[in-house]
Amino acid sequence: MAHRAGGWALEGTLTAPPKRLLNSSDAPFPAFQDGPWWARSHLCVALRGVTCSAESLRLRLRVLEPTEHIGEAVCHAGEDSVGLSEIEFELAYKQRESAYERLLEEALSIMRSALRVASVPVSSIAGRVKTLESASGKFKRQACAEEADAGAVLDAFTDMVGTRIVCPFPGNIGEVRAVIAPYFEVLEVDDKIAGYADSPTGYQSLHMTLRLRADYVGPRYDDIKHMPFELQVRTICMDAWANVSHELAYKNETDASPEIRADFRALSGLFCVADKEFGRLATLSGAATERLSVEYRTVKPKFFREDVTIESLGAYLKERFPNREHADRKYLAQLAPQLREAGIGTIGLLEELLVRRQDEFDEYEEEHPPANAPEFTDIGVIRCMLKLDQGTLPAPTALTRPRKKRP
């Protein structure tokens, strides 16, 4: 039976609504307050054997065209639509959307803090909440319409909240995993890097399904700590390949035409080789820095003859300022050419600068400490001394109290 109310056509078997709905002031159709019960308050419509309120049904209503007969089926799912269970799924998504956003914010905050404290190098940390459109598409693809509880379906979608950590080199992936895992409950690990040889598209990434630990308590966590979320950890090269192949829309090797498949697979191999080579170079650089650190401690005159490079600077600053914060490698890459441009081409010349300007720098740091830290980083010390030597920093006034010597 179809009923018409102010231009809206409803098809289905109308049933009397519960009193709690009739007494509700939250009428879904405010313009029909003077109409019958099914138009002026929440109405219950039995459609495909499932009863729901008009708040659900209104998502699928459409205006009845003037030429259509009231008795026609105008509010059915149609050949290209879906059943009521999808409507309930969408409503369940809307109810949880804000909780998903808070879970994402909490997870990212924990990850950023943990990785910063552990000094694990990362290129980016990001995340997203799956959109309603994307979640509904997954709902349809996985044929979840027979499920009775839309909330249970959402619980089964462990990637409603997704996070991603991109790190520079393959060796960093294990470091990230080791640092992140203790802060969460690890539900599942899917290593798509180990299975690269069997991947039809060359996709590589470490996937982890996580959940906030049970000991996170209080209103801030109580309604989100049971929700699972996904973490993907990959390198810059892996991320680049994933993004490019996504743009090409190749989910499987057979999606590409035969003349493209060989090139597609070969290109995937090049990305893999590049990743390994970058990792090898990082290992060599770390080994060189460690060798130079040993040389500083044992054969200092030889060390002072070393040219200014990222590796020699890293070793020198680590040994010269053991109690100061050591800046990231990217800042060493900026400092090295600045020193060479200033005529400081060897570590020995840099040591002479430090000896020459040490007292002046100590006074300057006491008078002008950095705004967000108690003292300068190791690179900050070098930059200040360089500017003092060049006369581009104001000379500090003489201090009457004893100066605190820096190591």
Protein backbone atom coordinates (compact mmCIF):
# COMPACT_ATOMS: atom_id res chain seq x y z
CA MET A 1 0.00 0.00 0.00
CA ALA A 2 1.23 3.50 -0.76
CA HIS A 3 0.34 6.62 1.20
CA ARG A 4 0.92 10.21 0.25
CA ALA A 5 1.72 13.03 2.63
CA GLY A 6 2.36 16.49 1.28
CA GLY A 7 4.02 15.24 -1.88
CA TRP A 8 5.99 12.39 -0.26
CA ALA A 9 5.02 8.87 -1.25
CA LEU A 10 5.69 6.04 1.16
CA GLU A 11 5.38 2.42 0.14
CA GLY A 12 5.20 -0.40 2.62
CA THR A 13 2.97 -1.70 5.33
CA LEU A 14 2.31 1.03 7.87
CA THR A 15 2.27 -0.13 11.46
CA ALA A 16 1.42 1.72 14.63
CA PRO A 17 4.51 3.34 16.13
CA PRO A 18 5.56 2.87 19.74
CA LYS A 19 4.22 5.50 22.13
CA ARG A 20 7.74 6.70 22.90
CA LEU A 21 8.07 7.65 19.23
CA LEU A 22 4.61 9.23 19.02
CA ASN A 23 5.44 11.40 22.01
CA SER A 24 8.73 12.50 20.52
CA SER A 25 9.04 16.14 19.52
CA ASP A 26 11.69 15.23 16.97
CA ALA A 27 9.28 14.91 14.07
CA PRO A 28 10.97 13.89 10.84
CA PHE A 29 8.48 15.87 8.74
CA PRO A 30 7.85 19.20 10.54
CA ALA A 31 5.53 20.45 7.79
CA PHE A 32 3.06 17.62 8.47
CA GLN A 33 2.42 18.20 12.17
CA ASP A 34 -1.35 18.36 11.57
CA GLY A 35 -1.50 15.22 9.49
CA PRO A 36 -2.12 11.62 10.57
CA TRP A 37 0.29 9.89 12.96
CA TRP A 38 2.37 8.48 10.17
CA ALA A 39 3.09 11.99 8.84
CA ARG A 40 3.40 14.01 12.04
CA SER A 41 5.74 11.91 14.13
CA HIS A 42 8.20 9.05 13.87
CA LEU A 43 6.59 6.40 11.75
CA CYS A 44 7.39 2.75 11.53
CA VAL A 45 7.37 1.17 8.13
CA ALA A 46 7.79 -2.54 7.61
CA LEU A 47 9.96 -2.84 4.53
CA ARG A 48 11.55 -6.10 3.46
CA GLY A 49 10.59 -7.50 6.82
CA VAL A 50 12.62 -4.96 8.86
CA THR A 51 10.97 -2.30 10.99
CA CYS A 52 12.64 1.09 11.36
CA SER A 53 11.76 4.65 12.24
CA ALA A 54 11.10 7.35 9.68
CA GLU A 55 14.48 8.83 10.59
CA SER A 56 15.94 5.83 8.77
CA LEU A 57 13.38 5.73 5.98
CA ARG A 58 13.59 9.43 5.15
CA LEU A 59 17.07 8.85 3.74
CA ARG A 60 15.46 6.96 0.87
CA LEU A 61 12.32 9.04 0.25
CA ARG A 62 11.93 11.01 -2.93
CA VAL A 63 9.31 13.54 -4.07
CA LEU A 64 6.37 12.04 -5.91
CA GLU A 65 6.21 13.35 -9.45
CA PRO A 66 2.87 14.98 -10.37
CA THR A 67 2.29 12.44 -13.13
CA GLU A 68 2.81 9.43 -10.84
CA HIS A 69 -0.13 7.64 -9.31
CA ILE A 70 -0.16 7.47 -5.56
CA GLY A 71 -0.55 3.73 -5.70
CA GLU A 72 2.68 3.26 -7.61
CA ALA A 73 5.77 1.96 -5.88
CA VAL A 74 7.72 5.15 -5.37
CA CYS A 75 9.67 4.42 -2.24
CA HIS A 76 11.04 0.99 -3.04
CA ALA A 77 14.70 0.19 -3.14
CA GLY A 78 14.72 -0.06 -6.92
CA GLU A 79 17.02 -2.01 -9.19
CA ASP A 80 20.02 0.21 -8.47
CA SER A 81 19.42 0.81 -4.77
CA VAL A 82 19.88 -1.17 -1.59
CA GLY A 83 17.79 -2.55 1.20
CA LEU A 84 16.98 -1.21 4.59
CA SER A 85 20.04 -2.81 6.16
CA GLU A 86 22.26 -0.33 4.32
CA ILE A 87 20.20 2.53 5.70
CA GLU A 88 20.80 1.21 9.20
CA PHE A 89 24.49 0.82 8.36
CA GLU A 90 24.69 4.49 7.33
CA LEU A 91 22.95 5.58 10.51
CA ALA A 92 25.32 3.46 12.61
CA TYR A 93 28.26 5.06 10.80
CA LYS A 94 26.94 8.56 11.57
CA GLN A 95 26.54 7.65 15.23
CA ARG A 96 30.16 6.51 15.43
CA GLU A 97 31.79 9.10 13.20
CA SER A 98 32.86 11.43 16.01
CA ALA A 99 34.26 8.48 17.99
CA TYR A 100 36.30 7.44 14.93
CA GLU A 101 37.71 10.97 14.70
CA ARG A 102 38.70 10.93 18.37
CA LEU A 103 40.30 7.49 18.03
CA LEU A 104 42.34 8.73 15.07
CA GLU A 105 43.52 11.80 17.00
CA GLU A 106 44.46 9.70 20.04
CA ALA A 107 46.33 7.05 18.03
CA LEU A 108 48.33 9.61 16.06
CA SER A 109 49.24 11.50 19.23
CA ILE A 110 50.53 8.33 20.93
CA MET A 111 52.53 7.28 17.86
CA ARG A 112 54.14 10.68 17.33
CA SER A 113 55.15 10.94 20.97
CA ALA A 114 56.54 7.39 21.15
CA LEU A 115 58.60 7.72 17.98
CA ARG A 116 59.92 11.13 19.00
CA VAL A 117 61.08 9.85 22.38
CA ALA A 118 62.71 6.81 20.76
CA SER A 119 64.37 9.00 18.09
CA VAL A 120 63.17 6.72 15.30
CA PRO A 121 63.44 8.52 11.93
CA VAL A 122 60.11 8.89 10.13
CA SER A 123 59.16 10.87 7.05
CA SER A 124 55.46 11.27 7.82
CA ILE A 125 52.71 10.12 10.18
CA ALA A 126 49.16 10.52 8.90
CA GLY A 127 45.71 9.00 9.14
CA ARG A 128 42.12 9.14 8.00
CA VAL A 129 38.61 8.02 8.89
CA LYS A 130 36.99 6.00 6.12
CA THR A 131 34.29 8.10 4.47
CA LEU A 132 30.65 7.04 4.46
CA GLU A 133 30.83 6.52 0.71
CA SER A 134 33.87 4.26 1.03
CA ALA A 135 32.41 2.33 3.99
CA SER A 136 29.09 1.83 2.17
CA GLY A 137 30.96 0.56 -0.89
CA LYS A 138 32.75 -2.01 1.27
CA PHE A 139 29.42 -2.91 2.86
CA LYS A 140 27.98 -3.71 -0.56
CA ARG A 141 31.05 -5.53 -1.89
CA GLN A 142 31.19 -7.83 1.10
CA ALA A 143 27.46 -8.60 0.90
CA CYS A 144 26.72 -7.62 4.49
CA ALA A 145 23.01 -6.93 3.90
CA GLU A 146 22.01 -10.16 5.62
CA GLU A 147 23.63 -9.10 8.90
CA ALA A 148 21.10 -8.20 11.57
CA ASP A 149 23.26 -5.68 13.42
CA ALA A 150 24.84 -2.76 11.55
CA GLY A 151 27.08 -2.09 14.54
CA ALA A 152 28.53 -5.59 14.28
CA VAL A 153 29.36 -4.97 10.64
CA LEU A 154 31.22 -1.78 11.53
CA ASP A 155 33.08 -3.64 14.28
CA ALA A 156 34.24 -6.15 11.68
CA PHE A 157 35.64 -3.36 9.46
CA THR A 158 39.00 -2.94 11.18
CA ASP A 159 40.12 -0.20 8.78
CA MET A 160 37.41 2.36 9.57
CA VAL A 161 40.27 4.30 11.14
CA GLY A 162 43.53 4.02 9.24
CA THR A 163 46.98 5.35 10.15
CA ARG A 164 50.20 5.29 8.15
CA ILE A 165 53.83 5.78 9.11
CA VAL A 166 56.31 6.36 6.28
CA CYS A 167 59.98 5.95 7.19
CA PRO A 168 63.14 6.48 5.14
CA PHE A 169 64.64 2.99 4.93
CA PRO A 170 63.60 -0.67 5.19
CA GLY A 171 65.53 -1.08 8.45
CA ASN A 172 63.35 1.56 10.10
CA ILE A 173 60.18 -0.52 9.66
CA GLY A 174 61.21 -2.99 12.36
CA GLU A 175 62.19 -0.09 14.64
CA VAL A 176 58.78 1.53 14.20
CA ARG A 177 57.01 -1.75 14.94
CA ALA A 178 59.08 -2.36 18.08
CA VAL A 179 58.40 1.14 19.41
CA ILE A 180 54.68 1.30 18.59
CA ALA A 181 53.55 -2.19 19.63
CA PRO A 182 53.87 -1.78 23.45
CA TYR A 183 51.51 1.21 23.41
CA PHE A 184 48.62 -0.77 21.88
CA GLU A 185 46.99 -4.17 21.84
CA VAL A 186 48.16 -5.91 18.66
CA LEU A 187 45.26 -7.88 17.18
CA GLU A 188 46.79 -8.94 13.87
CA VAL A 189 49.94 -8.49 11.78
CA ASP A 190 49.96 -8.85 7.99
CA ASP A 191 53.49 -8.57 6.57
CA LYS A 192 53.04 -7.74 2.91
CA ILE A 193 56.77 -7.06 2.61
CA ALA A 194 57.76 -10.66 3.32
CA GLY A 195 55.15 -11.76 0.77
CA TYR A 196 56.41 -9.40 -1.95
CA ALA A 197 57.46 -12.24 -4.27
CA ASP A 198 53.85 -13.43 -4.47
CA SER A 199 52.32 -9.96 -4.84
CA PRO A 200 50.66 -9.48 -8.25
CA THR A 201 51.12 -5.71 -8.10
CA GLY A 202 54.42 -5.33 -6.23
CA TYR A 203 52.68 -3.73 -3.24
CA GLN A 204 54.71 -3.76 -0.02
CA SER A 205 53.72 -2.62 3.46
CA LEU A 206 53.52 -3.87 7.03
CA HIS A 207 49.89 -3.87 8.16
CA MET A 208 48.95 -4.07 11.84
CA THR A 209 45.49 -4.14 13.38
CA LEU A 210 45.68 -2.39 16.74
CA ARG A 211 43.45 -1.30 19.59
CA LEU A 212 44.02 0.97 22.57
CA ARG A 213 45.20 -0.97 25.60
CA ALA A 214 42.65 -1.91 28.26
CA ASP A 215 44.51 0.13 30.87
CA TYR A 216 43.62 3.36 29.08
CA VAL A 217 40.71 4.38 31.33
CA GLY A 218 38.44 7.34 31.83
CA PRO A 219 35.89 9.27 29.74
CA ARG A 220 38.56 10.11 27.18
CA TYR A 221 39.00 6.44 26.23
CA ASP A 222 35.96 4.46 27.40
CA ASP A 223 33.95 4.65 24.16
CA ILE A 224 36.90 4.26 21.76
CA LYS A 225 39.32 1.78 23.30
CA HIS A 226 37.33 -1.21 22.04
CA MET A 227 37.53 0.03 18.43
CA PRO A 228 40.19 -1.56 16.22
CA PHE A 229 42.17 0.49 13.72
CA GLU A 230 44.77 -0.20 11.04
CA LEU A 231 48.40 0.90 10.94
CA GLN A 232 50.45 0.70 7.74
CA VAL A 233 54.23 1.04 7.98
CA ARG A 234 56.23 1.43 4.78
CA THR A 235 59.26 3.16 3.32
CA ILE A 236 59.28 6.21 1.07
CA CYS A 237 59.83 3.99 -1.99
CA MET A 238 57.05 1.60 -0.95
CA ASP A 239 54.71 4.53 -0.42
CA ALA A 240 55.60 6.04 -3.79
CA TRP A 241 54.91 2.73 -5.54
CA ALA A 242 51.59 2.29 -3.69
CA ASN A 243 50.47 5.80 -4.68
CA VAL A 244 51.49 5.46 -8.32
CA SER A 245 49.91 2.03 -8.76
CA HIS A 246 46.77 3.34 -7.05
CA GLU A 247 46.55 6.16 -9.58
CA LEU A 248 46.89 3.60 -12.37
CA ALA A 249 44.05 1.65 -10.69
CA TYR A 250 45.84 -1.70 -11.01
CA LYS A 251 44.56 -3.97 -8.24
CA ASN A 252 45.86 -7.10 -9.95
CA GLU A 253 48.42 -7.79 -12.64
CA THR A 254 45.64 -9.01 -14.95
CA ASP A 255 44.03 -5.57 -14.83
CA ALA A 256 46.80 -4.34 -17.15
CA SER A 257 46.92 -5.17 -20.84
CA PRO A 258 49.51 -7.83 -21.82
CA GLU A 259 51.95 -5.32 -23.32
CA ILE A 260 51.98 -3.35 -20.05
CA ARG A 261 52.30 -6.22 -17.58
CA ALA A 262 56.00 -6.87 -18.15
CA ASP A 263 56.92 -3.20 -17.77
CA PHE A 264 54.68 -2.92 -14.71
CA ARG A 265 56.41 -5.82 -13.01
CA ALA A 266 59.89 -4.59 -14.01
CA LEU A 267 59.16 -1.11 -12.65
CA SER A 268 58.01 -2.63 -9.35
CA GLY A 269 61.36 -4.43 -9.18
CA LEU A 270 63.25 -1.18 -9.71
CA PHE A 271 61.45 0.41 -6.78
CA CYS A 272 62.34 -2.62 -4.65
CA VAL A 273 66.01 -2.46 -5.68
CA ALA A 274 66.12 1.31 -5.02
CA ASP A 275 64.71 0.74 -1.54
CA LYS A 276 67.36 -1.83 -0.72
CA GLU A 277 70.15 0.37 -2.08
CA PHE A 278 69.01 3.39 -0.08
CA GLY A 279 68.97 1.17 2.98
CA ARG A 280 72.48 -0.07 2.21
CA LEU A 281 73.75 3.51 1.86
CA ALA A 282 72.17 4.42 5.20
CA THR A 283 73.94 1.47 6.82
CA LEU A 284 77.27 2.49 5.28
CA SER A 285 76.81 6.07 6.46
CA GLY A 286 76.06 4.93 10.01
CA ALA A 287 79.11 2.68 9.99
CA ALA A 288 81.31 5.55 8.76
CA THR A 289 80.04 7.82 11.54
CA GLU A 290 80.76 5.17 14.15
CA ARG A 291 84.27 4.59 12.75
CA LEU A 292 84.99 8.32 12.93
CA SER A 293 83.70 8.46 16.51
CA VAL A 294 86.23 5.81 17.47
CA GLU A 295 88.91 7.77 15.61
CA TYR A 296 88.03 10.95 17.56
CA ARG A 297 88.55 9.09 20.84
CA THR A 298 91.74 7.28 19.84
CA VAL A 299 93.56 9.16 17.06
CA LYS A 300 92.37 12.73 17.44
CA PRO A 301 95.05 14.39 15.24
CA LYS A 302 94.08 12.14 12.35
CA PHE A 303 90.41 12.85 12.95
CA PHE A 304 90.97 16.62 12.85
CA ARG A 305 92.31 16.24 9.30
CA GLU A 306 88.96 14.83 8.13
CA ASP A 307 86.99 16.94 5.66
CA VAL A 308 83.69 18.37 6.85
CA THR A 309 81.01 15.86 5.76
CA ILE A 310 77.72 14.71 7.20
CA GLU A 311 79.44 11.66 8.71
CA SER A 312 82.43 13.52 10.19
CA LEU A 313 80.20 16.27 11.58
CA GLY A 314 77.88 13.70 13.15
CA ALA A 315 80.78 11.94 14.84
CA TYR A 316 82.39 15.19 15.99
CA LEU A 317 79.26 16.71 17.50
CA LYS A 318 78.32 13.46 19.21
CA GLU A 319 81.73 13.25 20.89
CA ARG A 320 82.29 16.99 21.46
CA PHE A 321 78.87 17.62 23.03
CA PRO A 322 77.81 14.31 24.63
CA ASN A 323 75.32 15.96 27.00
CA ARG A 324 73.54 18.17 24.50
CA GLU A 325 70.62 17.23 22.31
CA HIS A 326 71.80 15.99 18.93
CA ALA A 327 69.96 17.46 15.97
CA ASP A 328 68.55 15.37 13.13
CA ARG A 329 70.73 14.29 10.26
CA LYS A 330 68.92 16.64 7.87
CA TYR A 331 70.33 19.60 9.81
CA LEU A 332 73.84 18.20 9.45
CA ALA A 333 73.23 18.22 5.70
CA GLN A 334 72.42 21.95 5.95
CA LEU A 335 75.33 22.81 8.25
CA ALA A 336 78.13 21.10 6.29
CA PRO A 337 77.95 23.39 3.21
CA GLN A 338 77.52 26.46 5.45
CA LEU A 339 80.80 25.65 7.19
CA ARG A 340 82.63 25.05 3.93
CA GLU A 341 81.36 28.38 2.56
CA ALA A 342 82.76 30.06 5.70
CA GLY A 343 86.17 28.59 4.97
CA ILE A 344 85.91 25.78 7.53
CA GLY A 345 86.66 22.76 5.42
CA THR A 346 88.11 20.37 8.02
CA ILE A 347 87.10 19.22 11.49
CA GLY A 348 90.36 20.72 12.82
CA LEU A 349 89.35 24.21 11.65
CA LEU A 350 85.94 23.71 13.28
CA GLU A 351 87.64 22.77 16.55
CA GLU A 352 89.70 25.97 16.36
CA LEU A 353 86.49 27.98 15.99
CA LEU A 354 85.00 26.36 19.07
CA VAL A 355 88.10 26.95 21.19
CA ARG A 356 88.29 30.57 20.00
CA ARG A 357 84.65 31.43 20.73
CA GLN A 358 83.84 29.13 23.70
CA ASP A 359 83.82 31.78 26.45
CA GLU A 360 81.92 34.27 24.33
CA PHE A 361 79.35 31.64 23.46
CA ASP A 362 78.87 30.62 27.12
CA GLU A 363 78.00 34.23 27.98
CA TYR A 364 75.70 34.53 24.97
CA GLU A 365 73.77 31.36 25.84
CA GLU A 366 73.23 32.54 29.41
CA GLU A 367 71.91 35.89 28.22
CA HIS A 368 69.94 34.58 25.23
CA PRO A 369 68.86 30.98 25.82
CA PRO A 370 66.65 29.39 23.14
CA ALA A 371 62.94 30.09 23.57
CA ASN A 372 61.75 26.47 23.67
CA ALA A 373 64.63 24.65 25.40
CA PRO A 374 67.06 25.19 28.30
CA GLU A 375 70.07 25.16 25.98
CA PHE A 376 71.05 25.01 22.32
CA THR A 377 71.40 21.74 20.44
CA ASP A 378 74.84 20.72 19.25
CA ILE A 379 74.21 22.27 15.84
CA GLY A 380 72.82 25.40 17.51
CA VAL A 381 76.14 25.81 19.32
CA ILE A 382 78.08 25.67 16.05
CA ARG A 383 75.79 28.13 14.31
CA CYS A 384 75.97 30.61 17.18
CA MET A 385 79.76 30.41 17.29
CA LEU A 386 79.96 30.87 13.53
CA LYS A 387 77.79 33.99 13.75
CA LEU A 388 79.80 35.33 16.69
CA ASP A 389 82.95 34.81 14.65
CA GLN A 390 81.42 36.64 11.70
CA GLY A 391 80.08 39.47 13.89
CA THR A 392 76.45 38.83 12.99
CA LEU A 393 75.38 38.21 16.61
CA PRO A 394 75.44 40.96 19.26
CA ALA A 395 78.39 40.57 21.59
CA PRO A 396 77.25 39.48 25.06
CA THR A 397 77.73 41.80 27.99
CA ALA A 398 80.18 40.76 30.68
CA LEU A 399 78.50 38.68 33.42
CA THR A 400 79.26 39.38 37.08
CA ARG A 401 78.17 35.90 38.22
CA PRO A 402 80.32 32.85 37.43
CA ARG A 403 79.61 31.30 34.08
CA LYS A 404 78.44 27.73 33.77
CA LYS A 405 80.91 25.90 31.57
CA ARG A 406 79.53 23.73 28.83
CA PRO A 407 81.02 20.36 27.90
